[in-house]
Amino acid sequence: MGDSANDLEMLQAVGCPIAMGNAAPQVQAAAARTVADNSHDGAAQAILSCLE
């Protein structure tokens, strides 16, 4: 999961890229899904969704 341009290479390398809700537009475009922002438990949502 990522939220800024420095995360783009990582997101392109993984099987299920996840963008945080506060992510830059180009990061959200590179992601398979977007979760809530950092202030609203987005990281927890991303982790839990991978465990389902």
N, C-alpha and C. Protein backbone atom coordinates (compact mmCIF):
# COMPACT_ATOMS: atom_id res chain seq x y z
N MET A 1 0.84 -1.17 0.00
CA MET A 1 0.00 0.00 0.00
C MET A 1 0.89 1.23 0.00
N GLY A 2 0.38 2.29 -0.62
CA GLY A 2 1.16 3.51 -0.70
C GLY A 2 0.29 4.74 -0.86
N ASP A 3 0.95 5.89 -0.75
CA ASP A 3 0.18 7.14 -0.87
C ASP A 3 0.90 8.25 -1.63
N SER A 4 2.18 8.05 -1.98
CA SER A 4 2.85 9.11 -2.72
C SER A 4 3.64 8.56 -3.90
N ALA A 5 4.13 9.49 -4.72
CA ALA A 5 4.80 9.11 -5.97
C ALA A 5 5.97 8.17 -5.73
N ASN A 6 6.64 8.27 -4.60
CA ASN A 6 7.77 7.37 -4.34
C ASN A 6 7.31 5.92 -4.15
N ASP A 7 6.03 5.68 -4.03
CA ASP A 7 5.49 4.32 -3.87
C ASP A 7 5.08 3.68 -5.20
N LEU A 8 5.12 4.44 -6.29
CA LEU A 8 4.63 3.92 -7.58
C LEU A 8 5.37 2.67 -8.04
N GLU A 9 6.68 2.66 -7.95
CA GLU A 9 7.45 1.49 -8.40
C GLU A 9 7.07 0.26 -7.59
N MET A 10 6.89 0.42 -6.29
CA MET A 10 6.49 -0.70 -5.44
C MET A 10 5.10 -1.18 -5.83
N LEU A 11 4.16 -0.27 -6.03
CA LEU A 11 2.80 -0.65 -6.37
C LEU A 11 2.74 -1.39 -7.71
N GLN A 12 3.61 -1.02 -8.63
CA GLN A 12 3.64 -1.69 -9.93
C GLN A 12 4.25 -3.08 -9.84
N ALA A 13 5.01 -3.35 -8.80
CA ALA A 13 5.70 -4.64 -8.65
C ALA A 13 4.88 -5.69 -7.90
N VAL A 14 3.87 -5.27 -7.15
CA VAL A 14 3.13 -6.22 -6.32
C VAL A 14 1.88 -6.73 -7.03
N GLY A 15 1.33 -7.81 -6.51
CA GLY A 15 0.16 -8.42 -7.13
C GLY A 15 -1.14 -7.69 -6.87
N CYS A 16 -1.26 -7.03 -5.74
CA CYS A 16 -2.50 -6.34 -5.39
C CYS A 16 -2.17 -4.97 -4.80
N PRO A 17 -1.91 -3.99 -5.66
CA PRO A 17 -1.55 -2.66 -5.17
C PRO A 17 -2.75 -1.95 -4.54
N ILE A 18 -2.52 -1.35 -3.38
CA ILE A 18 -3.57 -0.65 -2.64
C ILE A 18 -3.11 0.78 -2.38
N ALA A 19 -3.97 1.74 -2.70
CA ALA A 19 -3.68 3.15 -2.44
C ALA A 19 -4.46 3.61 -1.22
N MET A 20 -3.83 4.45 -0.45
CA MET A 20 -4.51 5.08 0.68
C MET A 20 -5.46 6.15 0.14
N GLY A 21 -6.51 6.44 0.87
CA GLY A 21 -7.50 7.42 0.43
C GLY A 21 -6.92 8.80 0.23
N ASN A 22 -5.84 9.12 0.90
CA ASN A 22 -5.20 10.43 0.75
C ASN A 22 -4.08 10.39 -0.28
N ALA A 23 -3.99 9.33 -1.06
CA ALA A 23 -2.91 9.17 -2.03
C ALA A 23 -3.02 10.16 -3.18
N ALA A 24 -1.87 10.45 -3.76
CA ALA A 24 -1.82 11.30 -4.94
C ALA A 24 -2.60 10.63 -6.07
N PRO A 25 -3.18 11.42 -6.97
CA PRO A 25 -3.99 10.84 -8.05
C PRO A 25 -3.27 9.77 -8.88
N GLN A 26 -1.99 9.96 -9.18
CA GLN A 26 -1.28 8.96 -9.98
C GLN A 26 -1.09 7.66 -9.20
N VAL A 27 -1.04 7.73 -7.89
CA VAL A 27 -0.93 6.53 -7.07
C VAL A 27 -2.27 5.80 -7.07
N GLN A 28 -3.34 6.52 -6.92
CA GLN A 28 -4.67 5.89 -6.96
C GLN A 28 -4.92 5.24 -8.31
N ALA A 29 -4.44 5.87 -9.38
CA ALA A 29 -4.62 5.29 -10.72
C ALA A 29 -3.85 4.00 -10.90
N ALA A 30 -2.72 3.85 -10.20
CA ALA A 30 -1.89 2.64 -10.31
C ALA A 30 -2.38 1.52 -9.41
N ALA A 31 -3.31 1.80 -8.52
CA ALA A 31 -3.76 0.82 -7.54
C ALA A 31 -4.96 0.02 -8.03
N ALA A 32 -5.06 -1.20 -7.54
CA ALA A 32 -6.22 -2.05 -7.83
C ALA A 32 -7.42 -1.63 -6.98
N ARG A 33 -7.13 -1.09 -5.80
CA ARG A 33 -8.19 -0.60 -4.93
C ARG A 33 -7.66 0.51 -4.04
N THR A 34 -8.60 1.25 -3.49
CA THR A 34 -8.27 2.36 -2.59
C THR A 34 -9.02 2.15 -1.29
N VAL A 35 -8.33 2.38 -0.18
CA VAL A 35 -8.94 2.27 1.15
C VAL A 35 -9.05 3.66 1.75
N ALA A 36 -9.54 3.75 2.95
CA ALA A 36 -9.69 5.04 3.63
C ALA A 36 -8.32 5.71 3.82
N ASP A 37 -8.35 6.97 4.17
CA ASP A 37 -7.09 7.69 4.37
C ASP A 37 -6.44 7.29 5.69
N ASN A 38 -5.25 7.84 5.91
CA ASN A 38 -4.47 7.49 7.10
C ASN A 38 -5.20 7.79 8.40
N SER A 39 -5.98 8.83 8.41
CA SER A 39 -6.68 9.24 9.63
C SER A 39 -7.93 8.42 9.93
N HIS A 40 -8.31 7.57 8.99
CA HIS A 40 -9.53 6.78 9.14
C HIS A 40 -9.26 5.28 8.99
N ASP A 41 -8.13 4.84 9.54
CA ASP A 41 -7.78 3.42 9.60
C ASP A 41 -7.61 2.74 8.25
N GLY A 42 -7.16 3.50 7.25
CA GLY A 42 -6.95 2.92 5.93
C GLY A 42 -5.94 1.79 5.91
N ALA A 43 -4.86 1.93 6.66
CA ALA A 43 -3.85 0.86 6.70
C ALA A 43 -4.46 -0.43 7.28
N ALA A 44 -5.24 -0.30 8.31
CA ALA A 44 -5.90 -1.47 8.90
C ALA A 44 -6.87 -2.10 7.90
N GLN A 45 -7.61 -1.28 7.18
CA GLN A 45 -8.54 -1.80 6.16
C GLN A 45 -7.78 -2.59 5.10
N ALA A 46 -6.65 -2.04 4.66
CA ALA A 46 -5.86 -2.71 3.63
C ALA A 46 -5.36 -4.06 4.12
N ILE A 47 -4.83 -4.09 5.32
CA ILE A 47 -4.30 -5.36 5.87
C ILE A 47 -5.43 -6.37 6.05
N LEU A 48 -6.53 -5.96 6.61
CA LEU A 48 -7.65 -6.88 6.82
C LEU A 48 -8.21 -7.40 5.50
N SER A 49 -8.25 -6.56 4.48
CA SER A 49 -8.79 -7.00 3.19
C SER A 49 -7.89 -8.06 2.56
N CYS A 50 -6.60 -8.02 2.84
CA CYS A 50 -5.68 -9.05 2.31
C CYS A 50 -5.82 -10.36 3.06
N LEU A 51 -6.34 -10.33 4.25
CA LEU A 51 -6.50 -11.54 5.06
C LEU A 51 -7.82 -12.26 4.77
N GLU A 52 -8.72 -11.60 4.07
CA GLU A 52 -10.04 -12.22 3.80
C GLU A 52 -9.94 -13.32 2.79
